[in-house]
Amino acid sequence: MMAMIEQLAADLLDEREWQLANRLALILDDDAYDASSLVEEIIPIYWERVGDRKRTLLPDNIYRPLYYIHRWSNNRNFRDSTRGYMMFISAHLEGCLMYLASSPPSRRGVSPRPFGRLVDPLKRSGILSSELANHLWRFNAAINIPSKHFDAYIPTHWLDERTFSVFETSCAFVMMRKLSMQLFAILKVNGVALPYGWPEFKDEWLSWSRRINQNSE
């Protein structure tokens, strides 16, 4: 699985994105760093304040997974949470695809099925380019299916080994960003209102060093 994810990342990410994946992996794997503050800078705004409470922005299936991705980024011992993190990364892309396939979707939540089934009709109808569809299929095979189905690969029985490494997970996060940005553009063309998009890449992300309960260094 490592080979599949790293090869997809090598094909999909440019040099700065590859550097970001490495930096994020270092931060996620060290409990001294405030990883969620970096993730919050990278992802779209996903919530709004209503009175003294907060709620997820609509479309919910697109923005709700970003809430969990942000929250889980600050997990202590992040390496023990990589499989769940991959599920939410995949759920965000699935939410984008669901809104392209039918607006609005009839359900909310993480699907137990792969999202590859959504890609084929969108490709055949011309909504997705062949290149983007291929990247999504590869992401589905390397990340989404193994995160949901243990019978999709040979699992380890070792308690100190996880389905995904921290580096694989950080690569998936940066790949999600790149694929989602393309899907956001297609969603807007197809009339889906998105209140917030992905921020532009910032070089400061590559040296992010904010620590828990401290100001940025």
Protein backbone atom coordinates (compact mmCIF):
# COMPACT_ATOMS: atom_id res chain seq x y z
CA MET A 1 0.00 0.00 0.00
CA MET A 2 2.89 2.35 0.74
CA ALA A 3 4.06 1.98 -2.85
CA MET A 4 0.59 2.78 -4.25
CA ILE A 5 0.13 5.91 -2.16
CA GLU A 6 3.65 7.24 -2.64
CA GLN A 7 3.50 6.60 -6.39
CA LEU A 8 0.17 8.41 -6.65
CA ALA A 9 1.60 11.31 -4.64
CA ALA A 10 4.69 11.41 -6.86
CA ASP A 11 2.47 11.57 -9.96
CA LEU A 12 0.01 14.09 -8.55
CA LEU A 13 1.95 16.55 -6.36
CA ASP A 14 4.37 19.25 -7.43
CA GLU A 15 7.56 20.03 -5.51
CA ARG A 16 6.01 22.45 -3.02
CA GLU A 17 3.08 20.13 -2.36
CA TRP A 18 5.52 17.27 -1.77
CA GLN A 19 7.39 19.45 0.71
CA LEU A 20 4.11 20.26 2.44
CA ALA A 21 3.28 16.56 2.79
CA ASN A 22 6.67 15.99 4.43
CA ARG A 23 6.26 18.97 6.77
CA LEU A 24 2.74 17.98 7.78
CA ALA A 25 3.86 14.41 8.49
CA LEU A 26 6.56 15.67 10.82
CA ILE A 27 4.09 17.88 12.69
CA LEU A 28 1.33 15.26 12.92
CA ASP A 29 3.78 12.73 14.31
CA ASP A 30 5.11 15.02 17.08
CA ASP A 31 2.70 15.79 19.93
CA ALA A 32 4.59 18.99 20.75
CA TYR A 33 3.32 20.67 17.57
CA ASP A 34 -0.10 22.24 17.04
CA ALA A 35 -0.95 20.33 13.88
CA SER A 36 -4.56 21.49 13.80
CA SER A 37 -3.46 25.12 13.43
CA LEU A 38 -1.67 24.24 10.19
CA VAL A 39 -4.56 22.16 8.90
CA GLU A 40 -6.96 25.01 9.69
CA GLU A 41 -4.84 27.33 7.54
CA ILE A 42 -4.96 24.92 4.59
CA ILE A 43 -8.59 23.78 4.49
CA PRO A 44 -11.61 25.91 3.52
CA ILE A 45 -13.66 27.56 6.27
CA TYR A 46 -16.22 24.89 7.07
CA TRP A 47 -18.45 26.48 9.75
CA GLU A 48 -20.51 29.54 10.57
CA ARG A 49 -21.58 31.07 13.87
CA VAL A 50 -25.29 31.20 14.71
CA GLY A 51 -25.76 33.07 17.95
CA ASP A 52 -23.39 31.53 20.46
CA ARG A 53 -23.14 28.23 18.56
CA LYS A 54 -21.39 26.98 15.43
CA ARG A 55 -22.72 24.78 12.64
CA THR A 56 -21.33 23.16 9.51
CA LEU A 57 -21.73 25.07 6.28
CA LEU A 58 -23.81 23.72 3.43
CA PRO A 59 -23.38 21.56 1.42
CA ASP A 60 -22.98 19.49 4.58
CA ASN A 61 -21.54 16.38 2.88
CA ILE A 62 -18.70 18.50 1.53
CA TYR A 63 -17.89 20.65 4.56
CA ARG A 64 -18.67 18.30 7.49
CA PRO A 65 -15.71 15.96 6.83
CA LEU A 66 -13.40 19.00 7.01
CA TYR A 67 -14.56 19.52 10.60
CA TYR A 68 -13.39 16.03 11.55
CA ILE A 69 -10.15 16.38 9.61
CA HIS A 70 -9.43 19.59 11.53
CA ARG A 71 -10.41 18.15 14.92
CA TRP A 72 -8.54 14.86 14.50
CA SER A 73 -5.36 16.65 13.46
CA ASN A 74 -4.74 17.53 17.09
CA ASN A 75 -5.07 13.95 18.33
CA ARG A 76 -2.28 12.93 20.64
CA ASN A 77 -0.56 9.85 19.22
CA PHE A 78 -1.88 10.70 15.78
CA ARG A 79 -0.23 7.60 14.32
CA ASP A 80 -2.92 5.51 16.04
CA SER A 81 -5.71 7.40 14.24
CA THR A 82 -4.57 7.30 10.63
CA ARG A 83 -7.23 4.91 9.32
CA GLY A 84 -10.11 7.05 10.60
CA TYR A 85 -8.41 10.16 9.25
CA MET A 86 -8.19 8.55 5.81
CA MET A 87 -11.92 7.81 5.95
CA PHE A 88 -12.74 11.50 6.51
CA ILE A 89 -10.31 12.57 3.77
CA SER A 90 -12.11 10.20 1.40
CA ALA A 91 -15.54 11.32 2.68
CA HIS A 92 -14.82 14.91 1.64
CA LEU A 93 -14.02 13.88 -1.94
CA GLU A 94 -17.06 11.61 -1.96
CA GLY A 95 -19.23 14.53 -0.85
CA CYS A 96 -18.00 16.56 -3.81
CA LEU A 97 -18.73 13.70 -6.20
CA MET A 98 -22.18 13.11 -4.70
CA TYR A 99 -23.16 16.73 -5.38
CA LEU A 100 -22.00 16.38 -8.97
CA ALA A 101 -23.96 13.14 -9.35
CA SER A 102 -27.18 14.36 -7.68
CA SER A 103 -27.92 17.61 -5.90
CA PRO A 104 -28.58 17.42 -3.03
CA PRO A 105 -27.61 13.89 -1.91
CA SER A 106 -30.32 11.94 -0.11
CA ARG A 107 -28.13 11.01 2.84
CA ARG A 108 -25.35 12.26 5.06
CA GLY A 109 -22.39 10.40 6.47
CA VAL A 110 -19.46 8.23 5.48
CA SER A 111 -20.43 5.64 2.91
CA PRO A 112 -19.32 2.05 3.55
CA ARG A 113 -18.80 1.67 -0.20
CA PRO A 114 -15.97 2.98 -2.39
CA PHE A 115 -16.66 6.22 -4.28
CA GLY A 116 -15.28 4.83 -7.54
CA ARG A 117 -18.84 3.99 -8.60
CA LEU A 118 -19.57 7.74 -8.71
CA VAL A 119 -16.64 8.54 -10.99
CA ASP A 120 -17.56 6.42 -14.01
CA PRO A 121 -20.88 8.09 -14.95
CA LEU A 122 -19.37 11.54 -14.31
CA LYS A 123 -16.52 10.71 -16.67
CA ARG A 124 -18.84 9.27 -19.32
CA SER A 125 -21.03 12.37 -19.18
CA GLY A 126 -18.00 14.63 -19.62
CA ILE A 127 -18.29 16.29 -16.21
CA LEU A 128 -14.94 14.83 -15.14
CA SER A 129 -11.93 14.80 -17.44
CA SER A 130 -10.23 11.48 -18.11
CA GLU A 131 -7.17 12.65 -16.15
CA LEU A 132 -9.13 13.71 -13.07
CA ALA A 133 -11.25 10.56 -13.18
CA ASN A 134 -8.11 8.44 -13.32
CA HIS A 135 -6.60 10.23 -10.32
CA LEU A 136 -9.82 9.75 -8.35
CA TRP A 137 -9.96 6.05 -9.22
CA ARG A 138 -6.36 5.61 -8.07
CA PHE A 139 -7.06 7.54 -4.86
CA ASN A 140 -10.09 5.33 -4.28
CA ALA A 141 -8.06 2.14 -4.76
CA ALA A 142 -5.03 3.20 -2.70
CA ILE A 143 -6.72 5.08 0.14
CA ASN A 144 -10.50 4.93 0.29
CA ILE A 145 -11.07 1.19 -0.14
CA PRO A 146 -8.34 0.09 2.33
CA SER A 147 -9.60 2.60 4.90
CA LYS A 148 -13.06 1.02 4.83
CA HIS A 149 -12.53 -2.62 3.98
CA PHE A 150 -9.99 -4.80 5.74
CA ASP A 151 -10.55 -7.55 3.17
CA ALA A 152 -9.20 -5.27 0.42
CA TYR A 153 -5.59 -5.92 1.42
CA ILE A 154 -3.51 -8.18 3.65
CA PRO A 155 -3.88 -6.72 7.16
CA THR A 156 -1.15 -6.78 9.77
CA HIS A 157 -1.63 -8.55 13.09
CA TRP A 158 1.03 -6.47 14.81
CA LEU A 159 -0.38 -4.07 17.38
CA ASP A 160 2.35 -1.49 16.74
CA GLU A 161 1.61 -1.29 13.00
CA ARG A 162 -1.23 0.71 11.49
CA THR A 163 -3.09 0.44 8.21
CA PHE A 164 -1.51 3.71 7.09
CA SER A 165 1.66 5.48 8.15
CA VAL A 166 1.61 9.13 9.19
CA PHE A 167 3.48 10.05 6.01
CA GLU A 168 0.95 8.21 3.83
CA THR A 169 -1.81 10.08 5.63
CA SER A 170 -0.19 13.48 5.12
CA CYS A 171 0.31 12.66 1.42
CA ALA A 172 -3.39 11.79 1.19
CA PHE A 173 -4.34 15.08 2.83
CA VAL A 174 -2.34 17.13 0.32
CA MET A 175 -3.68 15.03 -2.56
CA MET A 176 -7.21 15.58 -1.26
CA ARG A 177 -6.55 19.32 -1.39
CA LYS A 178 -5.42 19.17 -5.00
CA LEU A 179 -8.27 16.93 -6.18
CA SER A 180 -10.88 18.86 -4.20
CA MET A 181 -9.78 22.18 -5.68
CA GLN A 182 -10.49 20.76 -9.13
CA LEU A 183 -13.85 19.38 -8.00
CA PHE A 184 -14.79 22.72 -6.39
CA ALA A 185 -14.22 24.44 -9.74
CA ILE A 186 -16.45 21.89 -11.49
CA LEU A 187 -19.13 22.18 -8.80
CA LYS A 188 -19.32 25.94 -9.25
CA VAL A 189 -19.65 25.57 -13.02
CA ASN A 190 -22.51 23.13 -12.40
CA GLY A 191 -24.37 25.54 -10.15
CA VAL A 192 -23.47 24.23 -6.67
CA ALA A 193 -23.03 27.18 -4.30
CA LEU A 194 -19.86 26.86 -2.23
CA PRO A 195 -19.48 29.59 0.41
CA TYR A 196 -15.72 29.07 0.87
CA GLY A 197 -13.04 27.53 -1.31
CA TRP A 198 -9.48 26.36 -0.73
CA PRO A 199 -6.94 29.04 0.26
CA GLU A 200 -4.02 29.67 -2.06
CA PHE A 201 -0.80 27.83 -1.24
CA LYS A 202 1.38 29.72 1.26
CA ASP A 203 5.11 29.14 1.52
CA GLU A 204 4.91 29.68 5.29
CA TRP A 205 3.19 26.30 5.55
CA LEU A 206 6.49 24.66 4.62
CA SER A 207 8.17 25.93 7.80
CA TRP A 208 5.18 25.78 10.15
CA SER A 209 6.40 25.26 13.71
CA ARG A 210 3.61 26.38 16.04
CA ARG A 211 3.62 24.39 19.26
CA ILE A 212 0.80 23.49 21.61
CA ASN A 213 -0.12 26.41 23.91
CA GLN A 214 2.54 28.60 22.34
CA ASN A 215 2.66 31.30 19.71
CA SER A 216 4.17 30.55 16.33
CA GLU A 217 7.96 30.41 16.52
